Amino acid sequence: MTEHRHAFTQSRTIATAAATATLLLATGCSTASSTPSYPEAHIHGMAVQDGGDTVLLATHAGLYDMSADPIEVISPPIDLMGFATTGEPDHFYASGHPGEGVQLPNPVGLIESTDGGQSWQPLSRQGQSDFHSLTYTEAGIVGFDGSTRTSTNGQTWSTPDTNIQPADLSGTAEGQTVLATTEAGVKRSTDGGTTWTKVPDAPLLYMTDFASAQEVAGISPDGSVYTSEDAGLTWHRSGTIDTEAHAMATTTGNDGQLQIWIATEQDILVSKDGGSTFSSWTSQ
């Protein structure tokens, strides 16, 4: 998930204090107002939980609960540059920069929340890493802070021998496959980010997300939506959106159909038919 990242432009380029301290700040911290509306801050990632009843956006100003009425900022003011779900409800990893009043080094390194983003605890690489891309798999965490790094426990890290420059990383807790979108094409790892190969004939994508171990969705720079049923090995075009995607998430509906959620600058779009059609999402 994601999820959020450096996006490709239409020209197909990439826009480019102690570790033991514990951050336990009050919830509902808003940098804009007590009743925030759709985020004006840049959106970096997205999480959809509870069958679509809970929709969260990780932004420059913190974590927004878009399904609350009214919308609320539920986290401290942290610029959540990298954001990853884990397959467990309310358990997230993130990275980025501390906002006003947040007692963390800059950058924050890898931080973890087990209460849905209300509080965050530092795990490692405080003052060292700003993971702009971050994901979680059965094998552990994969992040990109200028180098691709992997960790089985969030504390110690390995740096695989790879020169990939991912705009986006996506994985799933149901397996060890990781997809990396790059300006050279989609790269794929089946060992939790240690080794990588290029996916032949894959469309140019700048964002992907796993709904299950095998089912994946992706978006191209021109707004085309693609899906894969074999963990990113082969792709087919399912539909299109006519606006820029800032973040995406995928779920599986009660009917078994792939659902694709896309956060744009002004709205959240959802497809409940595998990306063939999209409509504006509302929480009520």
Protein backbone atom coordinates (compact mmCIF):
# COMPACT_ATOMS: atom_id res chain seq x y z
CA MET A 1 0.00 0.00 0.00
CA THR A 2 0.90 2.00 0.28
CA GLU A 3 1.47 3.51 -0.06
CA HIS A 4 2.50 6.98 -0.67
CA ARG A 5 5.83 8.40 -3.43
CA HIS A 6 7.48 10.16 -6.36
CA ALA A 7 5.07 10.00 -9.31
CA PHE A 8 5.98 9.86 -12.96
CA THR A 9 4.99 12.93 -14.98
CA GLN A 10 3.32 12.69 -18.35
CA SER A 11 6.77 12.86 -19.95
CA ARG A 12 7.61 9.67 -18.02
CA THR A 13 10.17 11.07 -15.57
CA ILE A 14 10.34 10.75 -11.79
CA ALA A 15 9.88 13.85 -9.67
CA THR A 16 12.36 13.45 -7.72
CA ALA A 17 16.45 12.68 19.48
CA ALA A 18 17.14 9.35 20.34
CA ALA A 19 16.21 6.09 18.65
CA THR A 20 14.72 4.84 21.89
CA ALA A 21 12.38 7.77 22.36
CA THR A 22 8.66 7.03 22.18
CA LEU A 23 6.18 9.29 20.47
CA LEU A 24 2.78 9.24 22.12
CA LEU A 25 0.91 12.36 21.06
CA ALA A 26 -2.75 13.22 21.28
CA THR A 27 -5.06 12.24 18.45
CA GLY A 28 -7.02 14.59 16.28
CA CYS A 29 -4.12 16.97 15.63
CA SER A 30 -4.99 19.16 12.66
CA THR A 31 -2.68 21.70 11.10
CA ALA A 32 -5.53 23.34 9.20
CA SER A 33 -8.73 23.40 11.23
CA SER A 34 -10.70 21.46 13.81
CA THR A 35 -12.98 20.15 11.07
CA PRO A 36 -10.72 19.48 8.09
CA SER A 37 -12.14 18.89 4.65
CA TYR A 38 -10.51 17.03 1.78
CA PRO A 39 -6.73 17.27 2.31
CA GLU A 40 -5.06 20.30 0.78
CA ALA A 41 -1.72 18.79 1.78
CA HIS A 42 -0.06 16.51 -0.73
CA ILE A 43 -1.28 12.90 -0.49
CA HIS A 44 1.45 10.27 -0.16
CA GLY A 45 -0.39 7.04 0.64
CA MET A 46 -3.71 5.36 1.22
CA ALA A 47 -5.25 2.54 3.26
CA VAL A 48 -8.70 0.96 2.92
CA GLN A 49 -9.91 -1.25 5.77
CA ASP A 50 -13.11 -2.81 7.12
CA GLY A 51 -14.36 -3.70 3.66
CA GLY A 52 -14.19 -0.09 2.54
CA ASP A 53 -15.84 1.42 5.62
CA THR A 54 -12.53 2.97 6.71
CA VAL A 55 -10.50 5.04 4.24
CA LEU A 56 -7.27 6.71 5.37
CA LEU A 57 -5.00 9.13 3.50
CA ALA A 58 -1.38 9.64 4.51
CA THR A 59 -0.45 13.22 3.73
CA HIS A 60 2.10 15.97 4.24
CA ALA A 61 0.06 17.06 7.28
CA GLY A 62 -0.62 13.67 8.88
CA LEU A 63 -3.09 10.80 8.58
CA TYR A 64 -6.64 11.72 7.55
CA ASP A 65 -9.64 9.54 8.32
CA MET A 66 -11.82 10.24 5.30
CA SER A 67 -14.59 7.96 6.57
CA ALA A 68 -15.15 9.99 9.74
CA ASP A 69 -18.00 12.49 9.84
CA PRO A 70 -16.66 15.09 9.81
CA ILE A 71 -13.32 14.16 8.27
CA GLU A 72 -10.58 14.26 10.89
CA VAL A 73 -6.81 14.18 11.16
CA ILE A 74 -6.14 11.32 13.54
CA SER A 75 -2.33 11.45 13.77
CA PRO A 76 0.28 13.89 15.03
CA PRO A 77 1.47 16.37 12.36
CA ILE A 78 4.01 14.13 10.62
CA ASP A 79 4.77 14.42 6.91
CA LEU A 80 4.09 10.78 6.06
CA MET A 81 6.23 10.50 2.94
CA GLY A 82 6.31 6.70 3.02
CA PHE A 83 3.32 4.73 4.28
CA ALA A 84 2.71 0.97 4.37
CA THR A 85 -0.04 -1.28 5.64
CA THR A 86 0.78 -4.70 7.09
CA GLY A 87 -2.33 -6.80 6.58
CA GLU A 88 -3.19 -6.37 10.27
CA PRO A 89 -5.92 -3.85 11.18
CA ASP A 90 -4.52 -0.52 12.42
CA HIS A 91 -0.88 -1.64 12.04
CA PHE A 92 1.16 0.68 9.81
CA TYR A 93 4.75 1.63 9.05
CA ALA A 94 5.74 5.09 7.86
CA SER A 95 8.60 7.50 7.26
CA GLY A 96 9.03 11.18 6.55
CA HIS A 97 9.52 14.38 8.53
CA PRO A 98 8.28 15.61 11.93
CA GLY A 99 5.85 18.51 12.05
CA GLU A 100 5.57 21.23 14.65
CA GLY A 101 5.67 19.87 18.19
CA VAL A 102 6.65 16.34 17.19
CA GLN A 103 9.71 15.24 19.16
CA LEU A 104 11.43 13.11 16.54
CA PRO A 105 14.64 13.57 14.56
CA ASN A 106 14.41 14.79 10.98
CA PRO A 107 13.98 12.58 9.03
CA VAL A 108 11.99 10.29 11.29
CA GLY A 109 13.42 7.05 9.88
CA LEU A 110 11.10 4.06 10.20
CA ILE A 111 8.18 4.58 12.59
CA GLU A 112 5.37 2.22 13.53
CA SER A 113 1.75 2.59 14.65
CA THR A 114 -0.39 -0.18 16.11
CA ASP A 115 -3.41 2.00 16.93
CA GLY A 116 -4.50 3.09 13.48
CA GLY A 117 -2.09 6.00 13.18
CA GLN A 118 -3.03 7.82 16.37
CA SER A 119 0.45 7.39 17.83
CA TRP A 120 3.81 6.44 16.33
CA GLN A 121 6.91 4.84 17.80
CA PRO A 122 10.41 5.13 16.28
CA LEU A 123 11.97 1.83 15.27
CA SER A 124 15.20 2.56 13.40
CA ARG A 125 17.23 4.88 11.17
CA GLN A 126 16.04 8.04 12.97
CA GLY A 127 17.87 11.04 11.51
CA GLN A 128 19.09 8.88 8.62
CA SER A 129 16.29 7.69 6.35
CA ASP A 130 13.37 9.36 4.65
CA PHE A 131 11.74 6.41 2.92
CA HIS A 132 9.76 7.90 0.04
CA SER A 133 8.67 4.39 -0.96
CA LEU A 134 7.78 1.80 1.64
CA THR A 135 6.01 -1.56 1.63
CA TYR A 136 5.54 -4.66 3.74
CA THR A 137 5.63 -8.34 2.77
CA GLU A 138 5.66 -11.72 4.46
CA ALA A 139 9.46 -11.41 4.47
CA GLY A 140 9.51 -7.99 6.14
CA ILE A 141 9.84 -4.33 5.14
CA VAL A 142 11.20 -2.90 1.90
CA GLY A 143 12.00 0.80 1.62
CA PHE A 144 13.74 3.26 -0.67
CA ASP A 145 15.59 6.27 0.77
CA GLY A 146 18.00 6.71 -2.13
CA SER A 147 19.00 3.08 -1.69
CA THR A 148 16.76 0.04 -1.63
CA ARG A 149 16.79 -1.47 1.87
CA THR A 150 15.15 -4.52 3.43
CA SER A 151 14.47 -5.44 7.05
CA THR A 152 12.94 -8.53 8.62
CA ASN A 153 12.21 -6.82 11.94
CA GLY A 154 12.22 -3.04 11.38
CA GLN A 155 15.38 -2.70 13.42
CA THR A 156 18.27 -3.98 11.33
CA TRP A 157 18.61 -3.42 7.60
CA SER A 158 20.27 -4.98 4.57
CA THR A 159 21.08 -3.19 1.32
CA PRO A 160 20.59 -5.52 -1.65
CA ASP A 161 22.97 -5.26 -4.58
CA THR A 162 20.58 -3.42 -6.90
CA ASN A 163 20.51 -0.06 -8.61
CA ILE A 164 16.75 0.24 -9.06
CA GLN A 165 15.25 3.66 -8.40
CA PRO A 166 11.61 2.92 -7.56
CA ALA A 167 8.93 5.55 -7.77
CA ASP A 168 6.67 3.14 -5.91
CA LEU A 169 7.03 -0.15 -4.03
CA SER A 170 4.16 -2.52 -3.33
CA GLY A 171 3.88 -5.89 -1.67
CA THR A 172 1.55 -8.02 0.42
CA ALA A 173 1.72 -9.79 3.75
CA GLU A 174 0.37 -12.87 1.93
CA GLY A 175 3.63 -13.46 0.07
CA GLN A 176 7.15 -12.24 -0.65
CA THR A 177 6.56 -10.66 -4.07
CA VAL A 178 7.40 -6.96 -4.39
CA LEU A 179 6.78 -4.74 -7.41
CA ALA A 180 8.83 -1.62 -8.10
CA THR A 181 7.72 0.93 -10.67
CA THR A 182 10.66 2.63 -12.38
CA GLU A 183 11.14 4.78 -15.44
CA ALA A 184 12.79 1.71 -17.02
CA GLY A 185 9.68 -0.42 -16.42
CA VAL A 186 8.23 -2.64 -13.73
CA LYS A 187 10.77 -4.60 -11.67
CA ARG A 188 9.73 -7.65 -9.65
CA SER A 189 11.18 -9.46 -6.65
CA THR A 190 9.97 -12.81 -5.31
CA ASP A 191 12.22 -12.83 -2.24
CA GLY A 192 11.09 -9.78 -0.32
CA GLY A 193 13.17 -7.23 -2.24
CA THR A 194 16.56 -8.95 -2.25
CA THR A 195 16.82 -9.78 -5.97
CA TRP A 196 15.01 -8.16 -8.87
CA THR A 197 14.14 -8.86 -12.50
CA LYS A 198 12.40 -6.72 -15.10
CA VAL A 199 8.88 -7.78 -16.03
CA PRO A 200 8.86 -8.27 -19.81
CA ASP A 201 6.05 -6.58 -21.77
CA ALA A 202 4.67 -4.85 -18.67
CA PRO A 203 3.03 -1.45 -19.25
CA LEU A 204 4.81 1.61 -17.89
CA LEU A 205 3.24 2.08 -14.44
CA TYR A 206 3.95 4.59 -11.72
CA MET A 207 1.83 3.07 -8.95
CA THR A 208 0.71 -0.48 -8.05
CA ASP A 209 -1.05 -2.19 -5.15
CA PHE A 210 -1.77 -5.80 -4.15
CA ALA A 211 -5.29 -6.91 -3.22
CA SER A 212 -4.07 -10.46 -2.55
CA ALA A 213 -1.00 -12.60 -3.16
CA GLN A 214 -1.85 -12.77 -6.87
CA GLU A 215 -4.19 -9.88 -7.70
CA VAL A 216 -2.62 -6.48 -8.37
CA ALA A 217 -3.73 -3.19 -9.89
CA GLY A 218 -1.59 -0.46 -11.43
CA ILE A 219 -1.91 2.98 -13.00
CA SER A 220 0.03 4.35 -15.95
CA PRO A 221 1.01 8.00 -16.48
CA ASP A 222 -1.82 8.47 -19.00
CA GLY A 223 -4.46 7.31 -16.51
CA SER A 224 -4.86 3.79 -17.86
CA VAL A 225 -5.71 1.25 -15.17
CA TYR A 226 -4.17 -2.22 -15.46
CA THR A 227 -4.72 -5.39 -13.46
CA SER A 228 -2.75 -8.59 -13.00
CA GLU A 229 -3.87 -11.97 -11.72
CA ASP A 230 -0.39 -13.49 -11.41
CA ALA A 231 1.37 -11.10 -9.02
CA GLY A 232 2.52 -8.69 -11.70
CA LEU A 233 3.89 -11.08 -14.33
CA THR A 234 1.25 -10.26 -16.94
CA TRP A 235 -1.11 -7.31 -17.22
CA HIS A 236 -4.26 -6.30 -19.04
CA ARG A 237 -5.86 -2.87 -19.39
CA SER A 238 -9.20 -2.67 -17.63
CA GLY A 239 -10.18 1.00 -17.76
CA THR A 240 -9.01 4.58 -17.34
CA ILE A 241 -9.32 7.66 -15.15
CA ASP A 242 -9.17 11.22 -16.48
CA THR A 243 -7.26 12.77 -13.59
CA GLU A 244 -3.91 12.27 -11.86
CA ALA A 245 -3.74 9.60 -9.17
CA HIS A 246 -1.91 10.61 -6.00
CA ALA A 247 -2.34 7.32 -4.12
CA MET A 248 -4.16 4.03 -4.51
CA ALA A 249 -5.33 1.02 -2.55
CA THR A 250 -6.99 -2.25 -3.49
CA THR A 251 -9.39 -4.57 -1.72
CA THR A 252 -11.48 -7.62 -2.57
CA GLY A 253 -15.23 -7.16 -2.33
CA ASN A 254 -17.66 -9.60 -0.74
CA ASP A 255 -18.45 -10.78 -4.25
CA GLY A 256 -14.78 -11.61 -4.84
CA GLN A 257 -14.38 -8.73 -7.29
CA LEU A 258 -11.27 -6.57 -7.25
CA GLN A 259 -11.95 -3.08 -5.89
CA ILE A 260 -9.61 -0.20 -6.73
CA TRP A 261 -9.50 3.01 -4.70
CA ILE A 262 -7.72 6.08 -6.08
CA ALA A 263 -7.06 9.36 -4.27
CA THR A 264 -6.86 12.36 -6.60
CA GLU A 265 -6.20 16.00 -5.80
CA GLN A 266 -9.87 16.67 -5.07
CA ASP A 267 -11.69 13.38 -4.67
CA ILE A 268 -11.55 9.66 -3.98
CA LEU A 269 -12.57 7.40 -6.85
CA VAL A 270 -13.56 3.78 -6.44
CA SER A 271 -14.08 0.94 -8.89
CA LYS A 272 -15.93 -2.15 -7.75
CA ASP A 273 -15.61 -3.96 -11.07
CA GLY A 274 -11.88 -4.45 -11.34
CA GLY A 275 -11.10 -1.03 -12.77
CA SER A 276 -13.56 -1.02 -15.66
CA THR A 277 -15.56 1.93 -14.28
CA PHE A 278 -14.96 4.47 -11.51
CA SER A 279 -17.23 6.72 -9.48
CA SER A 280 -16.75 9.21 -6.66
CA TRP A 281 -16.64 7.60 -3.23
CA THR A 282 -18.60 8.92 -0.29
CA SER A 283 -18.43 7.58 3.25
CA GLN A 284 -22.14 7.86 3.86
